[in-house]
Protein backbone atom coordinates (compact mmCIF):
# COMPACT_ATOMS: atom_id res chain seq x y z
CA MET A 1 -21.61 -56.32 42.21
CA ASP A 2 -20.22 -59.54 40.78
CA ASP A 3 -20.34 -60.69 37.56
CA LYS A 4 -22.52 -63.93 37.18
CA ARG A 5 -22.55 -63.59 33.37
CA LYS A 6 -22.15 -67.10 31.44
CA SER A 7 -21.10 -65.28 28.34
CA GLY A 8 -18.47 -62.24 27.74
CA ARG A 9 -20.13 -59.10 26.62
CA ILE A 10 -18.88 -56.84 23.71
CA LYS A 11 -19.53 -53.13 23.32
CA LYS A 12 -21.77 -52.72 20.94
CA SER A 13 -24.64 -50.40 20.07
CA ILE A 14 -27.83 -52.11 18.90
CA LYS A 15 -30.90 -50.65 18.19
CA CYS A 16 -34.05 -52.49 20.26
CA GLU A 17 -37.60 -51.79 21.16
CA VAL A 18 -38.55 -53.36 24.65
CA TYR A 19 -42.07 -54.30 25.62
CA SER A 20 -43.33 -54.27 29.16
CA ASP A 21 -46.23 -52.08 29.93
CA GLY A 22 -45.82 -50.32 26.55
CA LEU A 23 -43.24 -49.50 24.10
CA THR A 24 -39.86 -47.85 24.69
CA PHE A 25 -36.98 -47.64 22.15
CA SER A 26 -33.62 -48.18 23.44
CA SER A 27 -30.34 -49.24 22.46
CA THR A 28 -27.82 -51.79 23.68
CA ILE A 29 -24.31 -50.71 25.46
CA ASP A 30 -23.19 -54.31 25.16
CA ILE A 31 -24.32 -57.93 24.44
CA SER A 32 -23.69 -61.53 24.83
CA ASP A 33 -25.51 -64.42 23.55
CA GLY A 34 -26.86 -65.03 26.82
CA GLY A 35 -27.85 -61.24 27.66
CA MET A 36 -27.29 -57.63 27.31
CA PHE A 37 -27.30 -53.90 28.91
CA ILE A 38 -30.16 -51.99 27.64
CA SER A 39 -29.35 -47.96 28.29
CA THR A 40 -32.77 -46.46 29.33
CA PRO A 41 -33.53 -43.44 31.93
CA GLU A 42 -36.28 -45.72 33.45
CA PRO A 43 -35.40 -49.19 33.77
CA LEU A 44 -37.80 -51.84 34.95
CA ASN A 45 -37.31 -53.61 38.37
CA GLU A 46 -35.07 -56.81 38.58
CA ASN A 47 -37.12 -60.21 37.87
CA SER A 48 -39.56 -58.17 35.33
CA GLU A 49 -39.82 -60.12 32.01
CA VAL A 50 -40.01 -58.25 28.82
CA ASP A 51 -40.26 -58.93 25.28
CA LEU A 52 -37.40 -57.42 22.97
CA VAL A 53 -36.99 -57.06 19.53
CA LEU A 54 -33.59 -56.48 18.34
CA HIS A 55 -32.24 -54.75 15.09
CA LEU A 56 -29.32 -56.34 14.03
CA PRO A 57 -27.86 -55.10 10.64
CA GLY A 58 -28.14 -57.60 7.69
CA THR A 59 -30.93 -59.67 9.42
CA ASP A 60 -34.66 -60.04 10.12
CA PRO A 61 -35.55 -58.40 13.47
CA ILE A 62 -35.13 -60.92 16.41
CA ASP A 63 -37.87 -61.53 18.97
CA LEU A 64 -37.00 -62.58 22.14
CA LYS A 65 -38.07 -62.69 25.78
CA ALA A 66 -35.98 -61.65 28.63
CA ARG A 67 -36.03 -61.08 32.49
CA VAL A 68 -33.96 -58.29 34.23
CA ARG A 69 -31.31 -59.18 36.30
CA TRP A 70 -30.18 -55.97 37.57
CA ASN A 71 -30.86 -52.32 37.17
CA ARG A 72 -28.98 -49.09 37.50
CA ASP A 73 -31.43 -45.68 38.16
CA GLU A 74 -28.43 -43.16 38.59
CA ARG A 75 -26.38 -41.76 35.67
CA ASP A 76 -23.04 -39.79 35.52
CA GLU A 77 -20.85 -38.90 32.51
CA ASP A 78 -18.99 -42.06 32.30
CA ILE A 79 -22.11 -44.55 33.36
CA ARG A 80 -25.45 -45.07 31.82
CA ALA A 81 -28.87 -45.65 33.62
CA GLY A 82 -29.99 -48.94 32.50
CA MET A 83 -30.72 -52.80 33.05
CA GLY A 84 -29.03 -55.90 32.35
CA VAL A 85 -31.30 -58.27 31.14
CA GLU A 86 -30.90 -62.13 30.19
CA PHE A 87 -32.51 -63.89 26.96
CA LEU A 88 -34.92 -66.49 28.34
CA ASN A 89 -35.00 -69.60 26.09
CA PRO A 90 -33.27 -67.98 22.88
CA THR A 91 -33.92 -70.33 20.04
CA THR A 92 -30.73 -71.98 18.30
CA LYS A 93 -31.46 -69.93 15.25
CA GLN A 94 -31.59 -66.73 17.41
CA THR A 95 -28.47 -67.29 19.43
CA ALA A 96 -26.57 -68.04 15.91
CA LEU A 97 -27.62 -64.85 14.56
CA ILE A 98 -26.41 -63.17 17.65
CA ASN A 99 -23.05 -64.51 17.62
CA LYS A 100 -22.44 -64.30 13.95
CA TYR A 101 -23.12 -60.28 14.73
CA LEU A 102 -20.91 -60.34 17.35
CA GLU A 103 -18.04 -62.03 15.74
CA GLY A 104 -18.29 -59.66 12.55
């Protein structure tokens, strides 16, 4: 898979809620100011749009919209099933909060 990310990802586990056809509690494997990988046993289809709530330490939850860019159904001991999502039009404040967390 070609890496087409605009920003580098940092390995961080963050609790998040994923809303599509219902609610799923998940956690991130890595995150950048442009997107993240969400570990989930039932990843959504590519191009699906989701609503996310990120629970960054030290701040109120952040509500974001995202699009699934790729998914991985299979897992083994080193690779987890999940989906890579791209944030859709995050506000300047949301991006600043994510960057502050990533720098800390």
